[in-house]
Protein backbone atom coordinates (compact mmCIF):
# COMPACT_ATOMS: atom_id res chain seq x y z
CA MET A 1 7.79 19.46 3.84
CA ARG A 2 6.29 21.67 6.48
CA VAL A 3 3.30 19.35 7.06
CA LEU A 4 3.70 16.27 9.39
CA ASP A 5 1.00 13.98 7.71
CA HIS A 6 1.13 11.25 10.29
CA ILE A 7 3.24 9.04 12.44
CA GLY A 8 3.39 5.38 11.59
CA ILE A 9 3.28 2.84 14.34
CA ALA A 10 3.55 -0.87 13.61
CA VAL A 11 1.16 -3.14 15.39
CA GLY A 12 0.45 -6.82 15.49
CA SER A 13 -3.20 -6.44 15.83
CA LEU A 14 -5.08 -3.38 15.02
CA GLU A 15 -8.25 -4.35 17.01
CA ARG A 16 -6.07 -5.08 20.17
CA ARG A 17 -4.21 -1.51 19.79
CA LEU A 18 -7.11 0.13 18.65
CA ALA A 19 -8.81 -0.58 22.16
CA PHE A 20 -5.79 1.33 23.78
CA TYR A 21 -5.91 4.47 21.53
CA ARG A 22 -10.06 4.59 22.23
CA ALA A 23 -9.17 4.53 25.86
CA LEU A 24 -7.21 7.86 25.07
CA GLY A 25 -10.27 9.29 23.45
CA LEU A 26 -9.19 8.57 19.76
CA GLU A 27 -11.27 6.98 16.99
CA ALA A 28 -10.25 5.66 13.91
CA ALA A 29 -11.33 7.64 10.97
CA ALA A 30 -10.63 5.13 8.20
CA VAL A 31 -9.44 1.39 8.10
CA GLU A 32 -8.29 0.25 4.78
CA GLU A 33 -6.26 -2.47 3.21
CA VAL A 34 -2.96 -1.59 1.23
CA PRO A 35 -2.61 -5.04 -0.54
CA SER A 36 0.39 -3.61 -2.56
CA GLU A 37 2.18 -3.38 0.68
CA GLY A 38 0.61 -6.14 2.50
CA LEU A 39 -0.85 -3.86 5.29
CA ARG A 40 -4.35 -3.13 6.92
CA VAL A 41 -3.93 0.34 8.35
CA ALA A 42 -5.98 2.62 10.59
CA PHE A 43 -5.82 6.35 10.81
CA LEU A 44 -6.42 8.23 14.00
CA PRO A 45 -7.03 12.01 13.45
CA VAL A 46 -5.03 14.09 16.44
CA GLU A 47 -5.01 17.82 15.95
CA GLY A 48 -3.92 18.63 12.18
CA THR A 49 -1.80 15.17 11.87
CA SER A 50 -2.45 11.74 12.52
CA ILE A 51 -1.53 8.44 13.94
CA GLU A 52 -1.42 5.72 11.23
CA LEU A 53 -1.81 2.09 12.76
CA LEU A 54 -0.03 -0.61 10.46
CA GLU A 55 -0.81 -4.19 10.70
CA PRO A 56 0.72 -6.89 8.50
CA ILE A 57 -2.11 -8.90 6.39
CA GLY A 58 0.35 -12.00 6.43
CA PRO A 59 3.61 -13.39 7.20
CA GLU A 60 5.18 -12.29 4.01
CA SER A 61 4.22 -8.69 4.52
CA PRO A 62 7.62 -6.76 5.08
CA LEU A 63 5.79 -5.26 8.07
CA ALA A 64 5.60 -8.65 9.63
CA ALA A 65 9.46 -8.91 9.12
CA PHE A 66 9.83 -5.56 10.60
CA ILE A 67 7.63 -6.55 13.83
CA ALA A 68 9.56 -9.95 14.17
CA LYS A 69 12.88 -8.15 14.08
CA ARG A 70 12.06 -4.94 16.21
CA GLY A 71 8.74 -5.55 17.84
CA GLU A 72 5.87 -3.25 17.66
CA GLY A 73 6.40 0.36 17.86
CA LEU A 74 7.35 3.40 15.79
CA HIS A 75 7.69 2.48 12.18
CA HIS A 76 7.90 5.66 10.32
CA ILE A 77 7.09 9.46 10.37
CA CYS A 78 5.34 10.87 7.19
CA PHE A 79 5.68 14.37 5.42
CA ARG A 80 3.07 15.52 3.01
CA VAL A 81 4.63 17.01 -0.05
CA ALA A 82 2.93 18.74 -3.24
CA ASP A 83 5.23 17.29 -5.76
CA ILE A 84 6.69 13.80 -4.84
CA ARG A 85 8.88 13.32 -7.89
CA SER A 86 10.25 16.73 -7.50
CA ALA A 87 11.07 15.93 -3.81
CA MET A 88 12.48 12.64 -4.64
CA ALA A 89 14.96 14.14 -7.20
CA GLU A 90 16.05 16.87 -4.93
CA LEU A 91 16.98 14.34 -2.08
CA LYS A 92 18.60 12.17 -4.64
CA LYS A 93 20.60 14.91 -5.92
CA ASN A 94 21.71 15.80 -2.54
CA GLY A 95 22.84 12.14 -2.04
CA PHE A 96 20.11 10.68 0.12
CA GLU A 97 19.06 7.03 -0.45
CA LEU A 98 15.41 6.41 -1.13
CA VAL A 99 13.79 2.98 -1.09
CA GLY A 100 12.93 2.68 -4.61
CA ASP A 101 13.02 4.63 -7.55
CA GLU A 102 9.26 5.47 -8.57
CA PRO A 103 6.61 6.39 -6.06
CA ARG A 104 3.89 3.83 -5.08
CA ARG A 105 0.19 4.05 -4.35
CA GLY A 106 -0.29 4.01 -0.41
CA ALA A 107 -3.26 4.52 1.56
CA HIS A 108 -6.00 6.91 0.63
CA GLY A 109 -4.64 6.52 -3.09
CA CYS A 110 -1.85 8.88 -2.18
CA LEU A 111 1.75 8.85 -3.83
CA VAL A 112 4.31 7.71 -1.32
CA CYS A 113 7.99 7.15 -0.96
CA PHE A 114 10.47 6.15 1.76
CA ILE A 115 13.73 7.70 2.54
CA HIS A 116 16.10 4.91 3.84
CA PRO A 117 16.90 5.25 7.78
CA ARG A 118 20.63 4.91 6.74
CA SER A 119 19.84 8.46 5.40
CA ALA A 120 17.91 10.04 8.12
CA GLY A 121 19.59 9.17 11.17
CA GLY A 122 18.08 5.74 11.96
CA VAL A 123 14.40 6.93 11.00
CA LEU A 124 12.26 5.65 7.94
CA VAL A 125 10.86 8.82 6.50
CA GLU A 126 7.99 8.71 4.20
CA LEU A 127 6.69 11.39 1.63
CA SER A 128 3.39 11.42 0.68
CA GLN A 129 1.58 13.40 -2.19
CA PRO A 130 -2.37 13.46 -1.82
CA GLU A 131 -4.26 12.12 -4.63
CA GLY A 132 -5.52 14.85 -7.12
């Protein structure tokens, strides 16, 4: 896990927050919906990594609850892995709590899983295995 894939930031409105990042000289390389997670996401490339802006699609989205409770801001950090199932097994073996027992499909068709913030010093950590 030596590659920081992206930093996820929860936003109430992609369009409003994209205006800020455009003012910094960043442009969204891709915007897509992840219906299984109730999200619309925009990826902004930044020197070998990216910023992922996450907008809830509706009020039932877990991200909508996150924003209601904590407000907009840092949501998670994501590390790229070659074999997500092996990484998950190693973490479980070492006593770390995962959010779910199986990886799910995330943005760009990647397999993803999350490490519960209780196991990571209060930070939600995502692991992502690129498609293919």
